[in-house]
Amino acid sequence: MSLSLTLSFLDLFSEGAWPESKSFIDEQLGPIPSKWKGICQNGEDPTFHCNRKLIGARFFNKGYASIVGPLNSSFHSPRDSEGHGSHTLSTAGGNFVPGANVFGFGNGTAKGGSPKARVAAYKVCWPPVGGEECFDADILAGFDLAIHDGVDVLSVSLGGDPTAFFNDSVAIGSFHAVKHGIVVVCSAGNSGPSEGTVSNFAPWQITVGASTIDREFPSYVVLANNVTFKGQSLSATVLPYNKQYPLIIAAAAKAANASAEEAILCKAGTLDPEKVKGKILVCLRGDNARVDKGEQALLAGAVGMVLANSELGGNEIIADPHVLPASHINFTDGNAVFKYINSTKSARGHITRPTTKLATKPAPSMAAFSSKGPSTVTPEILKPDITAPGPNSLTFKKVGEEKSFKVTLKVKNSKAAKKYVFGKLIWSDGKHNVRSPIVVKPA
């Protein structure tokens, strides 16, 4: 006999939710279970509504307000104003959404790990002030009410620099949640690939890293010397078939008042439009967002962008919805492109239309940005616990498909396997059923 602890109520700590998203439709869901004690706190946003899927929402801003001062009405709402909260909540518990795609790529049915779970959003993060977005007072208040409301699982999509447990609001809040029988799943962080960067490393938390899946969106960089490099992209716009354009390294296209070190990163205000116009611009990954580099290239008049990894980025390449034809290539290939451009006065190239490719190998592999152990505070506790799909995760191929992997759980005088699927926790040794969130954690 096995125990399946399936999410009835899943709570997300992050930047709120966008209730109009199709991921939160309540079709084929019955009445909200009577054990739920939460509310739909729409504050000063009368357009924010909950339903039988998104059964609750709250916002916590008193800690934030104590630093920034009085807040206007836009801060008194659980609405997600920048996308991250809706993204993470739908990944964890979004309903089935047929026909999902990004500019026609990866077409299929989108769903979260537990598509029929009820979900609630607890907004504890706000626009940065002094480098801080999520304040301890708001995080702990969120944990308290999530426990009160009766959630079964807490998904915590936030973290910070490693710190002692007594100074870590997420660790403290998680501890109290686990005491109440709530499973707490936290992100390991996005500060990789350096060692010792993992956050949310308390032993009572399930700490999740990020890895790839067996799907790519290849877009090739083709040089005039017939050398081709495989990159990835989700660009909606494409260059004319087989037409080649001049290539220029962004540092060589710097504005008069910019440094080469800033310009090669394609930061705002660092590019000279007269040097960029009509060319494919080669930018280096780092500092500013990948899609922002493409936007700066487009604003400067580029027809396309090659985004090359720095040594820190290594071999990790990510498909992004760039605003112009673009391809993200790895460190080795980027060096080859730089070498080619510097070797000739008439460097030219082309970027091919992206495609969707399935069953790619090797997969999964760890994402370079995924934070790594060991914990600098408690190195004797191995973290992260598990990994789950991160880069290029858009949709599943068919309704009902699950992506899963196995880790081993050691039990005294017995052997057991614990399969973890985000949205479902299963533990069984064939004889015993245990509802403790500690037991369902990987050993």
Protein backbone atom coordinates (compact mmCIF):
# COMPACT_ATOMS: atom_id res chain seq x y z
CA MET A 1 0.00 0.00 0.00
CA SER A 2 1.41 3.39 -0.91
CA LEU A 3 0.76 6.92 0.20
CA SER A 4 0.35 9.62 -2.42
CA LEU A 5 0.48 13.13 -1.00
CA THR A 6 -1.07 15.10 -3.85
CA LEU A 7 -1.35 18.86 -3.69
CA SER A 8 -4.77 19.97 -2.63
CA PHE A 9 -3.70 23.52 -1.87
CA LEU A 10 -0.42 24.82 -3.23
CA ASP A 11 0.82 28.19 -2.07
CA LEU A 12 3.43 30.27 -3.85
CA PHE A 13 5.62 32.92 -2.24
CA SER A 14 6.79 35.36 -4.88
CA GLU A 15 5.42 38.37 -6.76
CA GLY A 16 1.72 37.45 -6.82
CA ALA A 17 -0.37 36.19 -9.74
CA TRP A 18 -2.20 37.35 -12.87
CA PRO A 19 -5.67 35.86 -12.28
CA GLU A 20 -6.79 36.24 -15.90
CA SER A 21 -4.15 33.73 -17.07
CA LYS A 22 -5.59 30.61 -18.67
CA SER A 23 -3.38 28.57 -16.34
CA PHE A 24 -5.74 29.55 -13.53
CA ILE A 25 -9.09 28.70 -15.14
CA ASP A 26 -11.31 26.57 -12.90
CA GLU A 27 -13.03 24.37 -15.49
CA GLN A 28 -13.90 20.85 -14.28
CA LEU A 29 -13.07 21.74 -10.69
CA GLY A 30 -15.67 21.25 -7.98
CA PRO A 31 -16.42 23.43 -4.96
CA ILE A 32 -13.53 24.71 -2.88
CA PRO A 33 -12.93 22.22 -0.02
CA SER A 34 -14.31 23.33 3.30
CA LYS A 35 -10.93 23.06 5.06
CA TRP A 36 -9.68 26.12 3.16
CA LYS A 37 -9.56 29.21 5.40
CA GLY A 38 -7.93 31.64 3.00
CA ILE A 39 -9.34 34.76 1.37
CA CYS A 40 -9.07 36.65 -1.91
CA GLN A 41 -7.52 39.90 -0.68
CA ASN A 42 -7.77 42.15 -3.70
CA GLY A 43 -7.08 45.32 -1.71
CA GLU A 44 -7.45 48.34 -3.98
CA ASP A 45 -7.64 46.25 -7.17
CA PRO A 46 -11.33 45.49 -7.85
CA THR A 47 -10.37 43.67 -11.07
CA PHE A 48 -8.53 40.91 -9.18
CA HIS A 49 -10.80 37.90 -8.72
CA CYS A 50 -10.23 34.37 -7.41
CA ASN A 51 -12.09 31.23 -8.48
CA ARG A 52 -12.19 27.48 -7.82
CA LYS A 53 -8.61 27.13 -9.14
CA LEU A 54 -6.93 30.26 -7.79
CA ILE A 55 -8.70 29.96 -4.47
CA GLY A 56 -6.83 32.61 -2.53
CA ALA A 57 -4.47 35.54 -2.76
CA ARG A 58 -2.88 37.86 -0.23
CA PHE A 59 -0.26 40.61 -0.28
CA PHE A 60 2.22 41.64 2.40
CA ASN A 61 3.89 45.04 2.17
CA LYS A 62 4.26 46.50 5.66
CA GLY A 63 7.94 45.58 5.88
CA TYR A 64 8.51 47.09 2.45
CA ALA A 65 6.55 50.24 3.33
CA SER A 66 8.62 50.74 6.50
CA ILE A 67 11.63 51.28 4.24
CA VAL A 68 10.22 53.12 1.21
CA GLY A 69 7.45 55.10 2.90
CA PRO A 70 3.77 55.48 1.91
CA LEU A 71 2.65 53.28 -0.97
CA ASN A 72 0.21 54.08 -3.76
CA SER A 73 -2.74 51.90 -4.71
CA SER A 74 -0.72 49.68 -7.08
CA PHE A 75 1.05 48.22 -4.04
CA HIS A 76 -2.20 47.17 -2.39
CA SER A 77 -2.93 44.19 -4.59
CA PRO A 78 -1.73 40.59 -5.01
CA ARG A 79 -1.56 41.12 -8.78
CA ASP A 80 1.69 40.10 -10.47
CA SER A 81 2.89 43.18 -12.34
CA GLU A 82 6.07 41.76 -13.88
CA GLY A 83 5.42 38.09 -14.65
CA HIS A 84 7.64 36.06 -12.36
CA GLY A 85 4.94 35.16 -9.85
CA SER A 86 2.51 33.95 -12.51
CA HIS A 87 5.32 32.02 -14.22
CA THR A 88 6.33 30.14 -11.09
CA LEU A 89 2.79 29.53 -9.82
CA SER A 90 1.65 28.13 -13.17
CA THR A 91 4.78 25.96 -13.36
CA ALA A 92 3.88 24.42 -10.02
CA GLY A 93 0.12 24.08 -10.35
CA GLY A 94 -1.15 25.59 -13.61
CA ASN A 95 -4.18 24.00 -15.27
CA PHE A 96 -4.09 22.39 -18.74
CA VAL A 97 -3.85 25.01 -21.52
CA PRO A 98 -4.10 23.49 -25.03
CA GLY A 99 -2.40 25.17 -27.96
CA ALA A 100 0.27 26.90 -25.91
CA ASN A 101 3.44 28.06 -27.68
CA VAL A 102 5.94 30.89 -27.88
CA PHE A 103 5.77 32.49 -31.33
CA GLY A 104 4.78 29.09 -32.72
CA PHE A 105 7.67 27.21 -31.09
CA GLY A 106 7.14 24.28 -28.71
CA ASN A 107 3.48 24.01 -29.59
CA GLY A 108 1.48 21.73 -27.28
CA THR A 109 -0.44 21.68 -24.02
CA ALA A 110 0.99 23.65 -21.14
CA LYS A 111 0.44 22.44 -17.59
CA GLY A 112 1.96 22.71 -14.16
CA GLY A 113 3.29 19.86 -12.08
CA SER A 114 -0.10 19.36 -10.44
CA PRO A 115 -2.65 20.78 -12.90
CA LYS A 116 -5.72 19.95 -10.80
CA ALA A 117 -4.35 21.34 -7.54
CA ARG A 118 -5.97 24.40 -6.00
CA VAL A 119 -3.46 27.25 -5.82
CA ALA A 120 -3.06 30.44 -3.84
CA ALA A 121 -0.65 33.35 -4.28
CA TYR A 122 1.07 35.18 -1.44
CA LYS A 123 2.82 38.29 -2.73
CA VAL A 124 5.79 39.20 -0.54
CA CYS A 125 8.19 40.74 -3.10
CA TRP A 126 8.10 44.23 -4.58
CA PRO A 127 10.18 46.53 -6.83
CA PRO A 128 13.80 46.65 -5.61
CA VAL A 129 14.90 49.28 -3.13
CA GLY A 130 18.50 49.32 -2.01
CA GLY A 131 18.99 45.98 -3.73
CA GLU A 132 16.24 44.34 -1.67
CA GLU A 133 12.86 43.13 -2.96
CA CYS A 134 11.51 40.73 -0.31
CA PHE A 135 11.64 41.85 3.32
CA ASP A 136 11.77 39.52 6.32
CA ALA A 137 8.68 40.96 7.99
CA ASP A 138 6.59 40.38 4.87
CA ILE A 139 7.98 36.88 4.27
CA LEU A 140 7.27 35.75 7.84
CA ALA A 141 3.79 37.29 7.79
CA GLY A 142 3.14 35.34 4.58
CA PHE A 143 4.25 32.08 6.16
CA ASP A 144 2.03 32.67 9.18
CA LEU A 145 -1.10 33.19 7.13
CA ALA A 146 -0.31 30.39 4.68
CA ILE A 147 -0.15 28.04 7.67
CA HIS A 148 -3.41 29.49 8.99
CA ASP A 149 -5.13 29.19 5.61
CA GLY A 150 -4.49 25.45 5.44
CA VAL A 151 -2.07 24.97 2.54
CA ASP A 152 -0.67 21.47 1.95
CA VAL A 153 2.51 22.47 0.12
CA LEU A 154 4.46 25.71 0.04
CA SER A 155 6.42 26.55 -3.11
CA VAL A 156 8.90 29.30 -2.27
CA SER A 157 10.38 30.93 -5.38
CA LEU A 158 12.72 33.33 -3.65
CA GLY A 159 16.02 33.29 -1.82
CA GLY A 160 18.99 35.38 -0.85
CA ASP A 161 22.62 35.19 0.07
CA PRO A 162 23.52 32.27 2.35
CA THR A 163 23.06 33.21 6.01
CA ALA A 164 22.71 31.51 9.39
CA PHE A 165 19.33 29.86 10.03
CA PHE A 166 18.46 32.27 12.86
CA ASN A 167 18.82 35.20 10.41
CA ASP A 168 17.07 33.49 7.50
CA SER A 169 13.36 34.38 7.32
CA VAL A 170 12.63 31.67 4.72
CA ALA A 171 14.31 29.02 6.88
CA ILE A 172 12.42 30.19 9.98
CA GLY A 173 9.06 30.34 8.20
CA SER A 174 9.69 26.97 6.56
CA PHE A 175 10.49 25.40 9.92
CA HIS A 176 7.14 26.46 11.35
CA ALA A 177 5.33 25.25 8.22
CA VAL A 178 6.98 21.83 8.43
CA LYS A 179 6.01 21.62 12.12
CA HIS A 180 2.42 21.94 10.90
CA GLY A 181 2.85 19.11 8.41
CA ILE A 182 3.36 21.30 5.34
CA VAL A 183 5.92 20.31 2.70
CA VAL A 184 8.12 23.29 1.75
CA VAL A 185 9.78 23.29 -1.68
CA CYS A 186 12.33 26.06 -2.34
CA SER A 187 14.50 27.16 -5.23
CA ALA A 188 18.24 26.59 -4.89
CA GLY A 189 18.91 29.95 -6.51
CA ASN A 190 20.24 31.28 -9.81
CA SER A 191 23.79 32.18 -8.75
CA GLY A 192 25.67 29.31 -10.41
CA PRO A 193 27.96 27.96 -11.62
CA SER A 194 30.22 29.02 -8.74
CA GLU A 195 30.42 26.63 -5.80
CA GLY A 196 28.88 27.47 -2.43
CA THR A 197 26.12 29.63 -3.91
CA VAL A 198 23.11 27.50 -2.94
CA SER A 199 20.39 29.19 -0.89
CA ASN A 200 17.47 27.66 1.02
CA PHE A 201 19.66 24.87 2.39
CA ALA A 202 17.83 24.10 5.66
CA PRO A 203 17.41 20.34 6.16
CA TRP A 204 13.63 20.72 6.52
CA GLN A 205 13.33 22.31 3.06
CA ILE A 206 13.28 20.47 -0.29
CA THR A 207 15.82 22.47 -2.29
CA VAL A 208 15.45 22.28 -6.08
CA GLY A 209 18.10 23.02 -8.69
CA ALA A 210 17.48 23.63 -12.40
CA SER A 211 18.30 21.34 -15.32
CA THR A 212 17.53 21.07 -19.01
CA ILE A 213 14.99 18.86 -20.77
CA ASP A 214 15.28 16.91 -24.03
CA ARG A 215 14.06 19.76 -26.24
CA GLU A 216 15.94 22.51 -28.01
CA PHE A 217 15.19 25.46 -30.26
CA PRO A 218 18.25 25.48 -32.53
CA SER A 219 19.23 28.51 -34.56
CA TYR A 220 22.54 28.41 -36.44
CA VAL A 221 25.14 31.11 -36.92
CA VAL A 222 26.59 30.64 -40.41
CA LEU A 223 29.80 32.48 -41.26
CA ALA A 224 30.87 33.47 -44.78
CA ASN A 225 33.76 30.95 -44.54
CA ASN A 226 31.10 28.19 -44.32
CA VAL A 227 31.72 27.49 -40.63
CA THR A 228 28.46 26.93 -38.72
CA PHE A 229 27.75 27.16 -35.00
CA LYS A 230 24.65 25.81 -33.28
CA GLY A 231 22.86 28.20 -30.97
CA GLN A 232 19.35 28.55 -29.57
CA SER A 233 16.63 31.15 -29.97
CA LEU A 234 12.91 31.87 -29.88
CA SER A 235 13.11 34.92 -32.13
CA ALA A 236 9.84 35.63 -33.92
CA THR A 237 11.55 37.65 -36.67
CA VAL A 238 13.96 36.07 -39.16
CA LEU A 239 16.53 37.21 -41.70
CA PRO A 240 15.93 36.65 -45.42
CA TYR A 241 16.91 33.12 -46.39
CA ASN A 242 20.69 32.72 -46.93
CA LYS A 243 21.32 36.48 -47.11
CA GLN A 244 24.54 37.41 -45.34
CA TYR A 245 25.19 40.60 -43.42
CA PRO A 246 28.31 42.33 -42.08
CA LEU A 247 29.36 41.17 -38.61
CA ILE A 248 30.69 43.54 -35.96
CA ILE A 249 31.82 42.94 -32.39
CA ALA A 250 29.92 45.25 -30.03
CA ALA A 251 33.13 46.61 -28.51
CA ALA A 252 34.10 47.91 -31.97
CA ALA A 253 30.73 49.64 -32.21
CA LYS A 254 30.98 51.52 -28.94
CA ALA A 255 29.64 55.02 -28.56
CA ALA A 256 32.14 57.84 -28.00
CA ASN A 257 31.31 58.13 -24.31
CA ALA A 258 31.27 54.36 -23.60
CA SER A 259 33.99 51.92 -22.65
CA ALA A 260 34.71 48.81 -24.70
CA GLU A 261 34.03 46.72 -21.57
CA GLU A 262 30.51 48.11 -21.30
CA ALA A 263 29.78 48.17 -25.03
CA ILE A 264 30.65 44.51 -25.61
CA LEU A 265 27.87 43.67 -23.13
CA CYS A 266 25.47 45.71 -25.29
CA LYS A 267 24.28 47.84 -22.41
CA ALA A 268 21.90 50.77 -22.91
CA GLY A 269 23.61 53.86 -24.30
CA THR A 270 26.91 52.16 -25.13
CA LEU A 271 26.41 51.53 -28.88
CA ASP A 272 26.97 53.89 -31.83
CA PRO A 273 24.07 53.53 -34.32
CA GLU A 274 26.24 54.67 -37.21
CA LYS A 275 28.58 51.71 -36.64
CA VAL A 276 25.80 49.19 -35.92
CA LYS A 277 23.18 49.94 -38.58
CA GLY A 278 22.51 47.11 -41.02
CA LYS A 279 24.90 44.67 -39.31
CA ILE A 280 24.73 41.57 -37.13
CA LEU A 281 26.04 42.63 -33.73
CA VAL A 282 28.02 40.18 -31.57
CA CYS A 283 27.35 40.77 -27.85
CA LEU A 284 28.86 39.12 -24.79
CA ARG A 285 26.61 37.57 -22.16
CA GLY A 286 26.73 39.05 -18.66
CA ASP A 287 25.44 41.82 -16.35
CA ASN A 288 22.29 42.95 -18.21
CA ALA A 289 19.49 40.64 -19.33
CA ARG A 290 19.96 38.59 -22.49
CA VAL A 291 16.82 39.96 -24.14
CA ASP A 292 17.81 43.50 -23.16
CA LYS A 293 21.00 43.10 -25.19
CA GLY A 294 18.90 42.28 -28.23
CA GLU A 295 16.69 45.30 -27.60
CA GLN A 296 19.73 47.58 -27.42
CA ALA A 297 21.08 46.05 -30.62
CA LEU A 298 17.76 46.67 -32.38
CA LEU A 299 17.53 50.24 -31.11
CA ALA A 300 21.02 50.87 -32.49
CA GLY A 301 19.96 49.59 -35.92
CA ALA A 302 21.30 46.02 -35.93
CA VAL A 303 19.55 43.48 -38.17
CA GLY A 304 20.50 40.60 -35.88
CA MET A 305 22.47 39.62 -32.80
CA VAL A 306 24.84 36.81 -31.92
CA LEU A 307 24.93 36.39 -28.14
CA ALA A 308 28.17 34.71 -27.08
CA ASN A 309 28.82 33.23 -23.66
CA SER A 310 31.63 34.43 -21.45
CA GLU A 311 33.84 31.80 -19.85
CA LEU A 312 31.51 31.85 -16.83
CA GLY A 313 28.53 30.90 -19.02
CA GLY A 314 30.42 27.96 -20.49
CA ASN A 315 28.34 25.66 -22.66
CA GLU A 316 24.91 26.71 -21.39
CA ILE A 317 22.81 28.30 -24.14
CA ILE A 318 19.23 29.45 -23.64
CA ALA A 319 16.39 30.06 -26.06
CA ASP A 320 14.95 33.53 -25.47
CA PRO A 321 12.17 35.42 -27.30
CA HIS A 322 14.46 38.10 -28.70
CA VAL A 323 13.05 41.18 -30.43
CA LEU A 324 15.26 40.68 -33.48
CA PRO A 325 16.83 37.67 -35.25
CA ALA A 326 19.32 36.29 -32.73
CA SER A 327 21.15 33.15 -31.65
CA HIS A 328 22.80 32.35 -28.32
CA ILE A 329 26.04 30.37 -28.72
CA ASN A 330 28.43 28.84 -26.19
CA PHE A 331 31.82 30.11 -25.00
CA THR A 332 33.97 28.05 -27.35
CA ASP A 333 31.92 28.92 -30.42
CA GLY A 334 31.81 32.55 -29.38
CA ASN A 335 35.59 32.68 -29.27
CA ALA A 336 35.67 31.24 -32.77
CA VAL A 337 33.30 33.93 -34.01
CA PHE A 338 35.40 36.67 -32.40
CA LYS A 339 38.54 35.18 -33.98
CA TYR A 340 36.91 35.07 -37.42
CA ILE A 341 35.76 38.70 -37.26
CA ASN A 342 39.21 39.85 -36.15
CA SER A 343 40.87 37.91 -38.97
CA THR A 344 39.19 39.71 -41.87
CA LYS A 345 38.07 43.16 -42.92
CA SER A 346 34.87 41.82 -44.48
CA ALA A 347 33.38 39.47 -41.89
CA ARG A 348 29.87 38.41 -42.86
CA GLY A 349 27.33 35.91 -41.59
CA HIS A 350 23.75 34.77 -41.31
CA ILE A 351 21.40 33.60 -38.53
CA THR A 352 18.97 30.83 -39.43
CA ARG A 353 15.31 30.60 -38.47
CA PRO A 354 14.83 28.78 -35.12
CA THR A 355 13.13 25.37 -35.09
CA THR A 356 11.77 23.03 -32.43
CA LYS A 357 13.76 19.82 -31.91
CA LEU A 358 12.66 17.01 -29.57
CA ALA A 359 14.43 14.03 -27.97
CA THR A 360 17.75 15.86 -27.85
CA LYS A 361 20.74 14.49 -25.93
CA PRO A 362 22.40 14.76 -23.50
CA ALA A 363 19.47 15.54 -21.24
CA PRO A 364 18.98 16.41 -18.53
CA SER A 365 22.08 18.43 -17.77
CA MET A 366 22.50 21.01 -15.05
CA ALA A 367 21.86 24.63 -15.97
CA ALA A 368 24.94 26.79 -15.50
CA PHE A 369 22.90 29.38 -13.58
CA SER A 370 21.64 26.82 -11.05
CA SER A 371 23.22 27.52 -7.66
CA LYS A 372 25.64 24.88 -6.42
CA GLY A 373 26.58 23.43 -3.06
CA PRO A 374 28.10 22.91 -0.68
CA SER A 375 26.33 25.25 1.66
CA THR A 376 28.79 27.73 3.10
CA VAL A 377 26.85 27.70 6.40
CA THR A 378 26.24 23.97 6.84
CA PRO A 379 28.51 22.12 4.38
CA GLU A 380 27.66 18.82 6.06
CA ILE A 381 24.09 19.06 4.67
CA LEU A 382 24.13 18.14 0.98
CA LYS A 383 22.17 20.62 -1.11
CA PRO A 384 20.40 20.98 -3.51
CA ASP A 385 18.27 17.88 -2.86
CA ILE A 386 16.94 17.39 -6.38
CA THR A 387 16.78 19.02 -9.77
CA ALA A 388 13.83 19.82 -12.02
CA PRO A 389 13.26 21.29 -15.51
CA GLY A 390 14.35 24.90 -15.78
CA PRO A 391 15.77 26.33 -19.05
CA ASN A 392 13.56 26.26 -22.14
CA SER A 393 10.62 24.76 -20.21
CA LEU A 394 7.59 25.91 -22.19
CA THR A 395 5.07 23.08 -22.57
CA PHE A 396 4.52 19.35 -22.38
CA LYS A 397 4.01 17.35 -25.56
CA LYS A 398 0.60 15.91 -24.68
CA VAL A 399 -2.12 16.21 -22.06
CA GLY A 400 -1.37 14.20 -18.96
CA GLU A 401 2.34 13.71 -19.63
CA GLU A 402 4.57 13.87 -16.56
CA LYS A 403 8.28 14.62 -16.38
CA SER A 404 9.77 12.69 -13.49
CA PHE A 405 12.99 11.35 -12.06
CA LYS A 406 13.96 9.21 -9.09
CA VAL A 407 16.11 9.67 -6.02
CA THR A 408 16.72 7.16 -3.24
CA LEU A 409 15.23 7.37 0.25
CA LYS A 410 16.96 5.23 2.90
CA VAL A 411 14.67 3.63 5.47
CA LYS A 412 15.83 1.54 8.44
CA ASN A 413 15.59 -2.22 7.77
CA SER A 414 14.05 -1.60 4.38
CA LYS A 415 14.64 -0.20 0.95
CA ALA A 416 12.40 2.32 -0.65
CA ALA A 417 12.32 4.54 -3.68
CA LYS A 418 10.86 7.99 -3.61
CA LYS A 419 9.70 9.41 -6.90
CA TYR A 420 9.42 13.15 -6.99
CA VAL A 421 7.29 14.93 -9.56
CA PHE A 422 6.85 18.64 -8.95
CA GLY A 423 3.28 18.80 -7.79
CA LYS A 424 3.21 15.28 -6.33
CA LEU A 425 5.15 13.66 -3.50
CA ILE A 426 5.00 9.86 -3.15
CA TRP A 427 6.60 7.71 -0.47
CA SER A 428 6.13 3.99 -0.07
CA ASP A 429 8.01 0.99 1.24
CA GLY A 430 5.07 -1.28 0.45
CA LYS A 431 3.96 -1.53 4.07
CA HIS A 432 3.80 1.85 5.77
CA ASN A 433 2.16 5.19 5.13
CA VAL A 434 3.69 8.26 6.76
CA ARG A 435 2.38 11.79 6.28
CA SER A 436 5.39 13.64 7.71
CA PRO A 437 6.91 16.19 5.28
CA ILE A 438 10.34 15.17 6.60
CA VAL A 439 9.78 11.56 5.55
CA VAL A 440 8.93 12.51 1.98
CA LYS A 441 12.18 14.47 1.71
CA PRO A 442 15.06 12.73 -0.06
CA ALA A 443 17.54 11.27 2.41
